[in-house]
Amino acid sequence: MATSEAGGARSSPSETERIAFRRTLASLSSEEIRNKVLAEEFGPYDPADPRRSHWKAREANRLITDRQRAKELRPQWIGIVLSTLLGLAALIVAILAYIKQ
Protein backbone atom coordinates (compact mmCIF):
# COMPACT_ATOMS: atom_id res chain seq x y z
CA MET A 1 0.00 0.00 0.00
CA ALA A 2 1.48 3.32 -1.03
CA THR A 3 1.24 6.35 1.19
CA SER A 4 1.46 9.92 0.03
CA GLU A 5 3.86 12.50 1.36
CA ALA A 6 3.72 16.26 1.10
CA GLY A 7 4.02 17.19 -2.55
CA GLY A 8 2.28 14.02 -3.71
CA ALA A 9 5.37 11.80 -3.68
CA ARG A 10 4.70 8.22 -2.69
CA SER A 11 6.77 6.91 0.20
CA SER A 12 6.11 3.19 -0.37
CA PRO A 13 6.38 1.94 -3.93
CA SER A 14 5.17 -1.41 -5.16
CA GLU A 15 7.70 -4.21 -5.43
CA THR A 16 7.70 -4.02 -9.24
CA GLU A 17 8.48 -0.29 -9.09
CA ARG A 18 11.37 -0.92 -6.71
CA ILE A 19 12.80 -3.67 -8.93
CA ALA A 20 12.44 -1.55 -12.06
CA PHE A 21 14.15 1.39 -10.35
CA ARG A 22 17.03 -0.82 -9.14
CA ARG A 23 17.50 -2.08 -12.70
CA THR A 24 17.87 1.49 -13.95
CA LEU A 25 20.51 2.10 -11.27
CA ALA A 26 22.43 -1.10 -12.02
CA SER A 27 24.31 0.46 -14.92
CA LEU A 28 25.51 3.42 -12.83
CA SER A 29 28.54 3.46 -10.57
CA SER A 30 28.11 4.07 -6.86
CA GLU A 31 29.65 7.52 -7.22
CA GLU A 32 27.21 8.49 -9.98
CA ILE A 33 24.28 7.27 -7.87
CA ARG A 34 25.52 9.20 -4.83
CA ASN A 35 25.89 12.38 -6.91
CA LYS A 36 22.33 12.02 -8.22
CA VAL A 37 20.98 11.45 -4.71
CA LEU A 38 22.77 14.52 -3.39
CA ALA A 39 21.57 16.58 -6.38
CA GLU A 40 18.04 15.38 -5.45
CA GLU A 41 17.40 13.93 -8.91
CA PHE A 42 15.50 11.10 -7.22
CA GLY A 43 13.37 13.41 -5.12
CA PRO A 44 13.95 15.14 -1.80
CA TYR A 45 16.84 13.78 0.25
CA ASP A 46 17.33 14.36 3.98
CA PRO A 47 20.59 12.79 5.26
CA ALA A 48 19.63 13.42 8.89
CA ASP A 49 16.23 11.68 8.70
CA PRO A 50 15.81 9.09 5.92
CA ARG A 51 12.05 8.97 6.56
CA ARG A 52 11.81 12.43 5.01
CA SER A 53 13.62 11.30 1.86
CA HIS A 54 11.84 10.13 -1.28
CA TRP A 55 11.69 6.35 -1.69
CA LYS A 56 13.95 6.53 -4.75
CA ALA A 57 16.68 8.28 -2.74
CA ARG A 58 16.36 5.68 0.03
CA GLU A 59 16.46 2.82 -2.49
CA ALA A 60 19.55 4.32 -4.17
CA ASN A 61 21.28 4.54 -0.78
CA ARG A 62 20.35 0.91 -0.07
CA LEU A 63 21.92 -0.14 -3.36
CA ILE A 64 25.13 1.73 -2.54
CA THR A 65 25.20 0.08 0.90
CA ASP A 66 24.65 -3.37 -0.64
CA ARG A 67 27.52 -2.80 -3.07
CA GLN A 68 29.86 -1.67 -0.28
CA ARG A 69 28.91 -4.68 1.86
CA ALA A 70 29.58 -7.08 -1.02
CA LYS A 71 32.95 -5.43 -1.65
CA GLU A 72 33.89 -5.72 2.03
CA LEU A 73 32.87 -9.40 2.18
CA ARG A 74 34.80 -10.44 -0.94
CA PRO A 75 38.07 -11.28 0.93
CA GLN A 76 36.16 -13.45 3.40
CA TRP A 77 34.49 -15.40 0.59
CA ILE A 78 37.86 -15.91 -1.11
CA GLY A 79 39.26 -17.20 2.18
CA ILE A 80 36.32 -19.57 2.65
CA VAL A 81 36.69 -21.01 -0.85
CA LEU A 82 40.47 -21.39 -0.57
CA SER A 83 40.29 -23.05 2.85
CA THR A 84 37.62 -25.45 1.57
CA LEU A 85 39.78 -26.37 -1.43
CA LEU A 86 42.83 -26.80 0.82
CA GLY A 87 40.84 -29.04 3.18
CA LEU A 88 39.59 -31.09 0.24
CA ALA A 89 43.15 -31.46 -1.08
CA ALA A 90 44.33 -32.59 2.38
CA LEU A 91 41.53 -35.14 2.52
CA ILE A 92 42.47 -36.54 -0.88
CA VAL A 93 46.15 -36.78 0.13
CA ALA A 94 45.16 -38.56 3.35
CA ILE A 95 42.98 -41.03 1.44
CA LEU A 96 45.76 -41.72 -1.06
CA ALA A 97 48.27 -42.24 1.76
CA TYR A 98 45.92 -44.68 3.49
CA ILE A 99 45.39 -46.62 0.26
CA LYS A 100 49.15 -47.00 -0.34
CA GLN A 101 49.73 -48.57 3.10
PDB file of N, CA and C in Angstrom:
ATOM      1  N   MET A   1       0.834  -1.158   0.000  1.00  0.00           N
ATOM      2  CA  MET A   1       0.000   0.000   0.000  1.00  0.00           C
ATOM      3  C   MET A   1       0.891   1.238   0.000  1.00  0.00           C
ATOM      4  N   ALA A   2       0.661   2.126  -0.909  1.00  0.00           N
ATOM      5  CA  ALA A   2       1.477   3.321  -1.032  1.00  0.00           C
ATOM      6  C   ALA A   2       0.865   4.451  -0.229  1.00  0.00           C
ATOM      7  N   THR A   3       1.705   5.187   0.452  1.00  0.00           N
ATOM      8  CA  THR A   3       1.244   6.350   1.192  1.00  0.00           C
ATOM      9  C   THR A   3       1.770   7.591   0.507  1.00  0.00           C
ATOM     10  N   SER A   4       1.055   8.681   0.674  1.00  0.00           N
ATOM     11  CA  SER A   4       1.462   9.924   0.030  1.00  0.00           C
ATOM     12  C   SER A   4       2.138  10.838   1.035  1.00  0.00           C
ATOM     13  N   GLU A   5       3.165  11.507   0.553  1.00  0.00           N
ATOM     14  CA  GLU A   5       3.864  12.498   1.358  1.00  0.00           C
ATOM     15  C   GLU A   5       3.430  13.873   0.897  1.00  0.00           C
ATOM     16  N   ALA A   6       3.970  14.893   1.544  1.00  0.00           N
ATOM     17  CA  ALA A   6       3.717  16.256   1.095  1.00  0.00           C
ATOM     18  C   ALA A   6       4.289  16.411  -0.308  1.00  0.00           C
ATOM     19  N   GLY A   7       3.563  17.029  -1.176  1.00  0.00           N
ATOM     20  CA  GLY A   7       4.021  17.191  -2.552  1.00  0.00           C
ATOM     21  C   GLY A   7       3.566  16.060  -3.444  1.00  0.00           C
ATOM     22  N   GLY A   8       2.832  15.090  -2.899  1.00  0.00           N
ATOM     23  CA  GLY A   8       2.276  14.018  -3.707  1.00  0.00           C
ATOM     24  C   GLY A   8       3.224  12.876  -3.994  1.00  0.00           C
ATOM     25  N   ALA A   9       4.429  12.891  -3.439  1.00  0.00           N
ATOM     26  CA  ALA A   9       5.373  11.801  -3.683  1.00  0.00           C
ATOM     27  C   ALA A   9       4.981  10.591  -2.845  1.00  0.00           C
ATOM     28  N   ARG A  10       5.051   9.428  -3.427  1.00  0.00           N
ATOM     29  CA  ARG A  10       4.705   8.216  -2.687  1.00  0.00           C
ATOM     30  C   ARG A  10       5.904   7.739  -1.897  1.00  0.00           C
ATOM     31  N   SER A  11       5.675   7.342  -0.651  1.00  0.00           N
ATOM     32  CA  SER A  11       6.775   6.911   0.198  1.00  0.00           C
ATOM     33  C   SER A  11       6.988   5.409   0.141  1.00  0.00           C
ATOM     34  N   SER A  12       5.997   4.641  -0.306  1.00  0.00           N
ATOM     35  CA  SER A  12       6.109   3.187  -0.369  1.00  0.00           C
ATOM     36  C   SER A  12       5.723   2.697  -1.759  1.00  0.00           C
ATOM     37  N   PRO A  13       6.698   2.398  -2.578  1.00  0.00           N
ATOM     38  CA  PRO A  13       6.381   1.937  -3.931  1.00  0.00           C
ATOM     39  C   PRO A  13       5.993   0.463  -3.922  1.00  0.00           C
ATOM     40  N   SER A  14       5.442   0.015  -5.040  1.00  0.00           N
ATOM     41  CA  SER A  14       5.166  -1.413  -5.163  1.00  0.00           C
ATOM     42  C   SER A  14       6.488  -2.136  -5.416  1.00  0.00           C
ATOM     43  N   GLU A  15       6.470  -3.428  -5.249  1.00  0.00           N
ATOM     44  CA  GLU A  15       7.696  -4.214  -5.433  1.00  0.00           C
ATOM     45  C   GLU A  15       8.188  -4.131  -6.877  1.00  0.00           C
ATOM     46  N   THR A  16       7.289  -4.110  -7.833  1.00  0.00           N
ATOM     47  CA  THR A  16       7.701  -4.021  -9.241  1.00  0.00           C
ATOM     48  C   THR A  16       8.353  -2.674  -9.532  1.00  0.00           C
ATOM     49  N   GLU A  17       7.853  -1.603  -8.898  1.00  0.00           N
ATOM     50  CA  GLU A  17       8.478  -0.295  -9.089  1.00  0.00           C
ATOM     51  C   GLU A  17       9.885  -0.269  -8.504  1.00  0.00           C
ATOM     52  N   ARG A  18      10.049  -0.873  -7.337  1.00  0.00           N
ATOM     53  CA  ARG A  18      11.375  -0.922  -6.710  1.00  0.00           C
ATOM     54  C   ARG A  18      12.358  -1.696  -7.580  1.00  0.00           C
ATOM     55  N   ILE A  19      11.925  -2.841  -8.096  1.00  0.00           N
ATOM     56  CA  ILE A  19      12.805  -3.668  -8.929  1.00  0.00           C
ATOM     57  C   ILE A  19      13.166  -2.940 -10.205  1.00  0.00           C
ATOM     58  N   ALA A  20      12.180  -2.293 -10.829  1.00  0.00           N
ATOM     59  CA  ALA A  20      12.443  -1.545 -12.062  1.00  0.00           C
ATOM     60  C   ALA A  20      13.419  -0.398 -11.803  1.00  0.00           C
ATOM     61  N   PHE A  21      13.253   0.285 -10.680  1.00  0.00           N
ATOM     62  CA  PHE A  21      14.153   1.389 -10.350  1.00  0.00           C
ATOM     63  C   PHE A  21      15.567   0.876 -10.099  1.00  0.00           C
ATOM     64  N   ARG A  22      15.697  -0.242  -9.390  1.00  0.00           N
ATOM     65  CA  ARG A  22      17.031  -0.822  -9.144  1.00  0.00           C
ATOM     66  C   ARG A  22      17.700  -1.226 -10.452  1.00  0.00           C
ATOM     67  N   ARG A  23      16.920  -1.718 -11.401  1.00  0.00           N
ATOM     68  CA  ARG A  23      17.498  -2.083 -12.705  1.00  0.00           C
ATOM     69  C   ARG A  23      18.041  -0.866 -13.427  1.00  0.00           C
ATOM     70  N   THR A  24      17.360   0.276 -13.302  1.00  0.00           N
ATOM     71  CA  THR A  24      17.874   1.487 -13.950  1.00  0.00           C
ATOM     72  C   THR A  24      19.155   1.965 -13.281  1.00  0.00           C
ATOM     73  N   LEU A  25      19.298   1.689 -11.985  1.00  0.00           N
ATOM     74  CA  LEU A  25      20.508   2.101 -11.270  1.00  0.00           C
ATOM     75  C   LEU A  25      21.665   1.135 -11.477  1.00  0.00           C
ATOM     76  N   ALA A  26      21.390  -0.074 -11.918  1.00  0.00           N
ATOM     77  CA  ALA A  26      22.428  -1.103 -12.017  1.00  0.00           C
ATOM     78  C   ALA A  26      23.566  -0.696 -12.947  1.00  0.00           C
ATOM     79  N   SER A  27      23.266   0.085 -13.968  1.00  0.00           N
ATOM     80  CA  SER A  27      24.313   0.464 -14.919  1.00  0.00           C
ATOM     81  C   SER A  27      25.168   1.633 -14.430  1.00  0.00           C
ATOM     82  N   LEU A  28      24.768   2.275 -13.356  1.00  0.00           N
ATOM     83  CA  LEU A  28      25.505   3.423 -12.830  1.00  0.00           C
ATOM     84  C   LEU A  28      26.499   2.992 -11.762  1.00  0.00           C
ATOM     85  N   SER A  29      27.585   3.729 -11.647  1.00  0.00           N
ATOM     86  CA  SER A  29      28.541   3.458 -10.572  1.00  0.00           C
ATOM     87  C   SER A  29      27.994   4.023  -9.263  1.00  0.00           C
ATOM     88  N   SER A  30      28.555   3.584  -8.168  1.00  0.00           N
ATOM     89  CA  SER A  30      28.112   4.069  -6.857  1.00  0.00           C
ATOM     90  C   SER A  30      28.313   5.577  -6.723  1.00  0.00           C
ATOM     91  N   GLU A  31      29.386   6.075  -7.290  1.00  0.00           N
ATOM     92  CA  GLU A  31      29.654   7.517  -7.222  1.00  0.00           C
ATOM     93  C   GLU A  31      28.612   8.310  -8.008  1.00  0.00           C
ATOM     94  N   GLU A  32      28.234   7.800  -9.184  1.00  0.00           N
ATOM     95  CA  GLU A  32      27.205   8.486  -9.978  1.00  0.00           C
ATOM     96  C   GLU A  32      25.856   8.477  -9.256  1.00  0.00           C
ATOM     97  N   ILE A  33      25.542   7.361  -8.622  1.00  0.00           N
ATOM     98  CA  ILE A  33      24.283   7.270  -7.873  1.00  0.00           C
ATOM     99  C   ILE A  33      24.302   8.252  -6.719  1.00  0.00           C
ATOM    100  N   ARG A  34      25.411   8.280  -5.971  1.00  0.00           N
ATOM    101  CA  ARG A  34      25.518   9.199  -4.826  1.00  0.00           C
ATOM    102  C   ARG A  34      25.372  10.653  -5.283  1.00  0.00           C
ATOM    103  N   ASN A  35      26.002  11.016  -6.409  1.00  0.00           N
ATOM    104  CA  ASN A  35      25.887  12.385  -6.913  1.00  0.00           C
ATOM    105  C   ASN A  35      24.446  12.728  -7.265  1.00  0.00           C
ATOM    106  N   LYS A  36      23.727  11.773  -7.858  1.00  0.00           N
ATOM    107  CA  LYS A  36      22.330  12.018  -8.223  1.00  0.00           C
ATOM    108  C   LYS A  36      21.452  12.139  -6.983  1.00  0.00           C
ATOM    109  N   VAL A  37      21.747  11.353  -5.962  1.00  0.00           N
ATOM    110  CA  VAL A  37      20.976  11.449  -4.715  1.00  0.00           C
ATOM    111  C   VAL A  37      21.200  12.817  -4.079  1.00  0.00           C
ATOM    112  N   LEU A  38      22.458  13.237  -4.006  1.00  0.00           N
ATOM    113  CA  LEU A  38      22.767  14.522  -3.388  1.00  0.00           C
ATOM    114  C   LEU A  38      22.232  15.697  -4.200  1.00  0.00           C
ATOM    115  N   ALA A  39      22.130  15.532  -5.525  1.00  0.00           N
ATOM    116  CA  ALA A  39      21.565  16.576  -6.382  1.00  0.00           C
ATOM    117  C   ALA A  39      20.035  16.524  -6.363  1.00  0.00           C
ATOM    118  N   GLU A  40      19.478  15.577  -5.593  1.00  0.00           N
ATOM    119  CA  GLU A  40      18.042  15.384  -5.449  1.00  0.00           C
ATOM    120  C   GLU A  40      17.348  15.092  -6.775  1.00  0.00           C
ATOM    121  N   GLU A  41      18.026  14.350  -7.658  1.00  0.00           N
ATOM    122  CA  GLU A  41      17.402  13.928  -8.907  1.00  0.00           C
ATOM    123  C   GLU A  41      16.369  12.841  -8.680  1.00  0.00           C
ATOM    124  N   PHE A  42      16.455  12.164  -7.543  1.00  0.00           N
ATOM    125  CA  PHE A  42      15.504  11.102  -7.221  1.00  0.00           C
ATOM    126  C   PHE A  42      14.443  11.581  -6.232  1.00  0.00           C
ATOM    127  N   GLY A  43      14.328  12.861  -6.055  1.00  0.00           N
ATOM    128  CA  GLY A  43      13.369  13.414  -5.116  1.00  0.00           C
ATOM    129  C   GLY A  43      14.087  13.992  -3.917  1.00  0.00           C
ATOM    130  N   PRO A  44      13.328  14.520  -2.976  1.00  0.00           N
ATOM    131  CA  PRO A  44      13.950  15.138  -1.796  1.00  0.00           C
ATOM    132  C   PRO A  44      14.800  14.137  -1.021  1.00  0.00           C
ATOM    133  N   TYR A  45      15.918  14.626  -0.508  1.00  0.00           N
ATOM    134  CA  TYR A  45      16.838  13.784   0.255  1.00  0.00           C
ATOM    135  C   TYR A  45      17.203  14.500   1.542  1.00  0.00           C
ATOM    136  N   ASP A  46      16.989  13.822   2.669  1.00  0.00           N
ATOM    137  CA  ASP A  46      17.335  14.360   3.983  1.00  0.00           C
ATOM    138  C   ASP A  46      18.310  13.393   4.650  1.00  0.00           C
ATOM    139  N   PRO A  47      19.617  13.715   4.678  1.00  0.00           N
ATOM    140  CA  PRO A  47      20.593  12.790   5.261  1.00  0.00           C
ATOM    141  C   PRO A  47      20.412  12.595   6.769  1.00  0.00           C
ATOM    142  N   ALA A  48      19.808  13.539   7.450  1.00  0.00           N
ATOM    143  CA  ALA A  48      19.625  13.423   8.894  1.00  0.00           C
ATOM    144  C   ALA A  48      18.457  12.496   9.243  1.00  0.00           C
ATOM    145  N   ASP A  49      17.413  12.498   8.429  1.00  0.00           N
ATOM    146  CA  ASP A  49      16.228  11.684   8.704  1.00  0.00           C
ATOM    147  C   ASP A  49      15.773  11.015   7.405  1.00  0.00           C
ATOM    148  N   PRO A  50      16.165   9.760   7.176  1.00  0.00           N
ATOM    149  CA  PRO A  50      15.813   9.086   5.922  1.00  0.00           C
ATOM    150  C   PRO A  50      14.307   8.978   5.683  1.00  0.00           C
ATOM    151  N   ARG A  51      13.502   9.062   6.740  1.00  0.00           N
ATOM    152  CA  ARG A  51      12.052   8.975   6.557  1.00  0.00           C
ATOM    153  C   ARG A  51      11.513  10.161   5.767  1.00  0.00           C
ATOM    154  N   ARG A  52      12.243  11.245   5.764  1.00  0.00           N
ATOM    155  CA  ARG A  52      11.809  12.431   5.007  1.00  0.00           C
ATOM    156  C   ARG A  52      12.283  12.381   3.554  1.00  0.00           C
ATOM    157  N   SER A  53      13.110  11.425   3.221  1.00  0.00           N
ATOM    158  CA  SER A  53      13.624  11.300   1.858  1.00  0.00           C
ATOM    159  C   SER A  53      12.624  10.560   0.980  1.00  0.00           C
ATOM    160  N   HIS A  54      12.688  10.826  -0.306  1.00  0.00           N
ATOM    161  CA  HIS A  54      11.839  10.127  -1.278  1.00  0.00           C
ATOM    162  C   HIS A  54      12.274   8.666  -1.344  1.00  0.00           C
ATOM    163  N   TRP A  55      11.363   7.782  -1.673  1.00  0.00           N
ATOM    164  CA  TRP A  55      11.687   6.353  -1.691  1.00  0.00           C
ATOM    165  C   TRP A  55      12.794   6.038  -2.682  1.00  0.00           C
ATOM    166  N   LYS A  56      12.887   6.796  -3.767  1.00  0.00           N
ATOM    167  CA  LYS A  56      13.948   6.533  -4.748  1.00  0.00           C
ATOM    168  C   LYS A  56      15.320   6.858  -4.156  1.00  0.00           C
ATOM    169  N   ALA A  57      15.407   7.923  -3.391  1.00  0.00           N
ATOM    170  CA  ALA A  57      16.679   8.279  -2.744  1.00  0.00           C
ATOM    171  C   ALA A  57      17.064   7.221  -1.717  1.00  0.00           C
ATOM    172  N   ARG A  58      16.075   6.735  -0.951  1.00  0.00           N
ATOM    173  CA  ARG A  58      16.356   5.681   0.027  1.00  0.00           C
ATOM    174  C   ARG A  58      16.783   4.398  -0.669  1.00  0.00           C
ATOM    175  N   GLU A  59      16.121   4.050  -1.759  1.00  0.00           N
ATOM    176  CA  GLU A  59      16.459   2.823  -2.491  1.00  0.00           C
ATOM    177  C   GLU A  59      17.856   2.930  -3.105  1.00  0.00           C
ATOM    178  N   ALA A  60      18.210   4.113  -3.617  1.00  0.00           N
ATOM    179  CA  ALA A  60      19.554   4.320  -4.167  1.00  0.00           C
ATOM    180  C   ALA A  60      20.605   4.154  -3.082  1.00  0.00           C
ATOM    181  N   ASN A  61      20.341   4.687  -1.896  1.00  0.00           N
ATOM    182  CA  ASN A  61      21.284   4.536  -0.783  1.00  0.00           C
ATOM    183  C   ASN A  61      21.396   3.076  -0.354  1.00  0.00           C
ATOM    184  N   ARG A  62      20.293   2.342  -0.390  1.00  0.00           N
ATOM    185  CA  ARG A  62      20.345   0.911  -0.068  1.00  0.00           C
ATOM    186  C   ARG A  62      21.222   0.163  -1.058  1.00  0.00           C
ATOM    187  N   LEU A  63      21.103   0.512  -2.337  1.00  0.00           N
ATOM    188  CA  LEU A  63      21.918  -0.142  -3.359  1.00  0.00           C
ATOM    189  C   LEU A  63      23.398   0.142  -3.134  1.00  0.00           C
ATOM    190  N   ILE A  64      23.731   1.371  -2.815  1.00  0.00           N
ATOM    191  CA  ILE A  64      25.128   1.726  -2.541  1.00  0.00           C
ATOM    192  C   ILE A  64      25.636   0.939  -1.339  1.00  0.00           C
ATOM    193  N   THR A  65      24.821   0.829  -0.290  1.00  0.00           N
ATOM    194  CA  THR A  65      25.202   0.082   0.900  1.00  0.00           C
ATOM    195  C   THR A  65      25.404  -1.397   0.574  1.00  0.00           C
ATOM    196  N   ASP A  66      24.517  -1.963  -0.239  1.00  0.00           N
ATOM    197  CA  ASP A  66      24.652  -3.368  -0.641  1.00  0.00           C
ATOM    198  C   ASP A  66      25.943  -3.597  -1.418  1.00  0.00           C
ATOM    199  N   ARG A  67      26.282  -2.665  -2.299  1.00  0.00           N
ATOM    200  CA  ARG A  67      27.523  -2.797  -3.070  1.00  0.00           C
ATOM    201  C   ARG A  67      28.743  -2.727  -2.160  1.00  0.00           C
ATOM    202  N   GLN A  68      28.733  -1.804  -1.209  1.00  0.00           N
ATOM    203  CA  GLN A  68      29.855  -1.674  -0.280  1.00  0.00           C
ATOM    204  C   GLN A  68      29.999  -2.926   0.574  1.00  0.00           C
ATOM    205  N   ARG A  69      28.871  -3.478   1.027  1.00  0.00           N
ATOM    206  CA  ARG A  69      28.907  -4.680   1.856  1.00  0.00           C
ATOM    207  C   ARG A  69      29.478  -5.853   1.060  1.00  0.00           C
ATOM    208  N   ALA A  70      29.065  -5.990  -0.189  1.00  0.00           N
ATOM    209  CA  ALA A  70      29.581  -7.080  -1.022  1.00  0.00           C
ATOM    210  C   ALA A  70      31.083  -6.919  -1.255  1.00  0.00           C
ATOM    211  N   LYS A  71      31.520  -5.689  -1.439  1.00  0.00           N
ATOM    212  CA  LYS A  71      32.947  -5.434  -1.650  1.00  0.00           C
ATOM    213  C   LYS A  71      33.755  -5.765  -0.393  1.00  0.00           C
ATOM    214  N   GLU A  72      33.197  -5.438   0.776  1.00  0.00           N
ATOM    215  CA  GLU A  72      33.892  -5.725   2.030  1.00  0.00           C
ATOM    216  C   GLU A  72      33.939  -7.220   2.329  1.00  0.00           C
ATOM    217  N   LEU A  73      32.927  -7.964   1.893  1.00  0.00           N
ATOM    218  CA  LEU A  73      32.868  -9.398   2.177  1.00  0.00           C
ATOM    219  C   LEU A  73      33.648 -10.246   1.177  1.00  0.00           C
ATOM    220  N   ARG A  74      34.092  -9.680   0.082  1.00  0.00           N
ATOM    221  CA  ARG A  74      34.802 -10.441  -0.941  1.00  0.00           C
ATOM    222  C   ARG A  74      36.033 -11.178  -0.404  1.00  0.00           C
ATOM    223  N   PRO A  75      36.913 -10.544   0.402  1.00  0.00           N
ATOM    224  CA  PRO A  75      38.071 -11.284   0.928  1.00  0.00           C
ATOM    225  C   PRO A  75      37.674 -12.477   1.797  1.00  0.00           C
ATOM    226  N   GLN A  76      36.594 -12.332   2.561  1.00  0.00           N
ATOM    227  CA  GLN A  76      36.157 -13.452   3.399  1.00  0.00           C
ATOM    228  C   GLN A  76      35.682 -14.617   2.535  1.00  0.00           C
ATOM    229  N   TRP A  77      34.958 -14.325   1.470  1.00  0.00           N
ATOM    230  CA  TRP A  77      34.495 -15.401   0.587  1.00  0.00           C
ATOM    231  C   TRP A  77      35.674 -16.087  -0.095  1.00  0.00           C
ATOM    232  N   ILE A  78      36.670 -15.308  -0.501  1.00  0.00           N
ATOM    233  CA  ILE A  78      37.862 -15.905  -1.115  1.00  0.00           C
ATOM    234  C   ILE A  78      38.548 -16.817  -0.113  1.00  0.00           C
ATOM    235  N   GLY A  79      38.652 -16.373   1.136  1.00  0.00           N
ATOM    236  CA  GLY A  79      39.260 -17.199   2.185  1.00  0.00           C
ATOM    237  C   GLY A  79      38.474 -18.482   2.434  1.00  0.00           C
ATOM    238  N   ILE A  80      37.155 -18.386   2.438  1.00  0.00           N
ATOM    239  CA  ILE A  80      36.319 -19.575   2.649  1.00  0.00           C
ATOM    240  C   ILE A  80      36.519 -20.580   1.524  1.00  0.00           C
ATOM    241  N   VAL A  81      36.520 -20.105   0.300  1.00  0.00           N
ATOM    242  CA  VAL A  81      36.687 -21.006  -0.850  1.00  0.00           C
ATOM    243  C   VAL A  81      38.074 -21.643  -0.830  1.00  0.00           C
ATOM    244  N   LEU A  82      39.109 -20.839  -0.588  1.00  0.00           N
ATOM    245  CA  LEU A  82      40.469 -21.387  -0.566  1.00  0.00           C
ATOM    246  C   LEU A  82      40.666 -22.391   0.566  1.00  0.00           C
ATOM    247  N   SER A  83      40.122 -22.100   1.739  1.00  0.00           N
ATOM    248  CA  SER A  83      40.286 -23.046   2.846  1.00  0.00           C
ATOM    249  C   SER A  83      39.511 -24.339   2.581  1.00  0.00           C
ATOM    250  N   THR A  84      38.376 -24.244   1.930  1.00  0.00           N
ATOM    251  CA  THR A  84      37.622 -25.445   1.569  1.00  0.00           C
ATOM    252  C   THR A  84      38.400 -26.289   0.567  1.00  0.00           C
ATOM    253  N   LEU A  85      38.986 -25.635  -0.437  1.00  0.00           N
ATOM    254  CA  LEU A  85      39.785 -26.366  -1.425  1.00  0.00           C
ATOM    255  C   LEU A  85      41.020 -26.991  -0.783  1.00  0.00           C
ATOM    256  N   LEU A  86      41.669 -26.272   0.130  1.00  0.00           N
ATOM    257  CA  LEU A  86      42.834 -26.801   0.819  1.00  0.00           C
ATOM    258  C   LEU A  86      42.443 -27.999   1.685  1.00  0.00           C
ATOM    259  N   GLY A  87      41.323 -27.919   2.371  1.00  0.00           N
ATOM    260  CA  GLY A  87      40.840 -29.041   3.179  1.00  0.00           C
ATOM    261  C   GLY A  87      40.501 -30.248   2.321  1.00  0.00           C
ATOM    262  N   LEU A  88      39.902 -29.997   1.163  1.00  0.00           N
ATOM    263  CA  LEU A  88      39.590 -31.086   0.240  1.00  0.00           C
ATOM    264  C   LEU A  88      40.871 -31.735  -0.284  1.00  0.00           C
ATOM    265  N   ALA A  89      41.868 -30.917  -0.612  1.00  0.00           N
ATOM    266  CA  ALA A  89      43.145 -31.462  -1.078  1.00  0.00           C
ATOM    267  C   ALA A  89      43.808 -32.294   0.025  1.00  0.00           C
ATOM    268  N   ALA A  90      43.748 -31.836   1.273  1.00  0.00           N
ATOM    269  CA  ALA A  90      44.334 -32.588   2.385  1.00  0.00           C
ATOM    270  C   ALA A  90      43.605 -33.916   2.582  1.00  0.00           C
ATOM    271  N   LEU A  91      42.307 -33.910   2.406  1.00  0.00           N
ATOM    272  CA  LEU A  91      41.527 -35.138   2.517  1.00  0.00           C
ATOM    273  C   LEU A  91      41.914 -36.138   1.434  1.00  0.00           C
ATOM    274  N   ILE A  92      42.082 -35.655   0.229  1.00  0.00           N
ATOM    275  CA  ILE A  92      42.472 -36.539  -0.885  1.00  0.00           C
ATOM    276  C   ILE A  92      43.860 -37.121  -0.636  1.00  0.00           C
ATOM    277  N   VAL A  93      44.801 -36.298  -0.164  1.00  0.00           N
ATOM    278  CA  VAL A  93      46.150 -36.783   0.133  1.00  0.00           C
ATOM    279  C   VAL A  93      46.098 -37.827   1.242  1.00  0.00           C
ATOM    280  N   ALA A  94      45.281 -37.596   2.257  1.00  0.00           N
ATOM    281  CA  ALA A  94      45.161 -38.561   3.354  1.00  0.00           C
ATOM    282  C   ALA A  94      44.569 -39.877   2.859  1.00  0.00           C
ATOM    283  N   ILE A  95      43.582 -39.816   1.991  1.00  0.00           N
ATOM    284  CA  ILE A  95      42.980 -41.028   1.441  1.00  0.00           C
ATOM    285  C   ILE A  95      43.993 -41.793   0.599  1.00  0.00           C
ATOM    286  N   LEU A  96      44.743 -41.072  -0.236  1.00  0.00           N
ATOM    287  CA  LEU A  96      45.756 -41.718  -1.063  1.00  0.00           C
ATOM    288  C   LEU A  96      46.845 -42.342  -0.213  1.00  0.00           C
ATOM    289  N   ALA A  97      47.256 -41.680   0.872  1.00  0.00           N
ATOM    290  CA  ALA A  97      48.269 -42.240   1.761  1.00  0.00           C
ATOM    291  C   ALA A  97      47.750 -43.489   2.463  1.00  0.00           C
ATOM    292  N   TYR A  98      46.509 -43.507   2.829  1.00  0.00           N
ATOM    293  CA  TYR A  98      45.919 -44.679   3.493  1.00  0.00           C
ATOM    294  C   TYR A  98      45.824 -45.848   2.525  1.00  0.00           C
ATOM    295  N   ILE A  99      45.498 -45.558   1.266  1.00  0.00           N
ATOM    296  CA  ILE A  99      45.388 -46.618   0.259  1.00  0.00           C
ATOM    297  C   ILE A  99      46.741 -47.263  -0.014  1.00  0.00           C
ATOM    298  N   LYS A 100      47.812 -46.482  -0.018  1.00  0.00           N
ATOM    299  CA  LYS A 100      49.148 -46.997  -0.337  1.00  0.00           C
ATOM    300  C   LYS A 100      49.718 -47.846   0.789  1.00  0.00           C
ATOM    301  N   GLN A 101      49.195 -47.783   1.988  1.00  0.00           N
ATOM    302  CA  GLN A 101      49.729 -48.571   3.096  1.00  0.00           C
ATOM    303  C   GLN A 101      49.468 -50.006   2.934  1.00  0.00           C
TER     304      GLN A 101
END
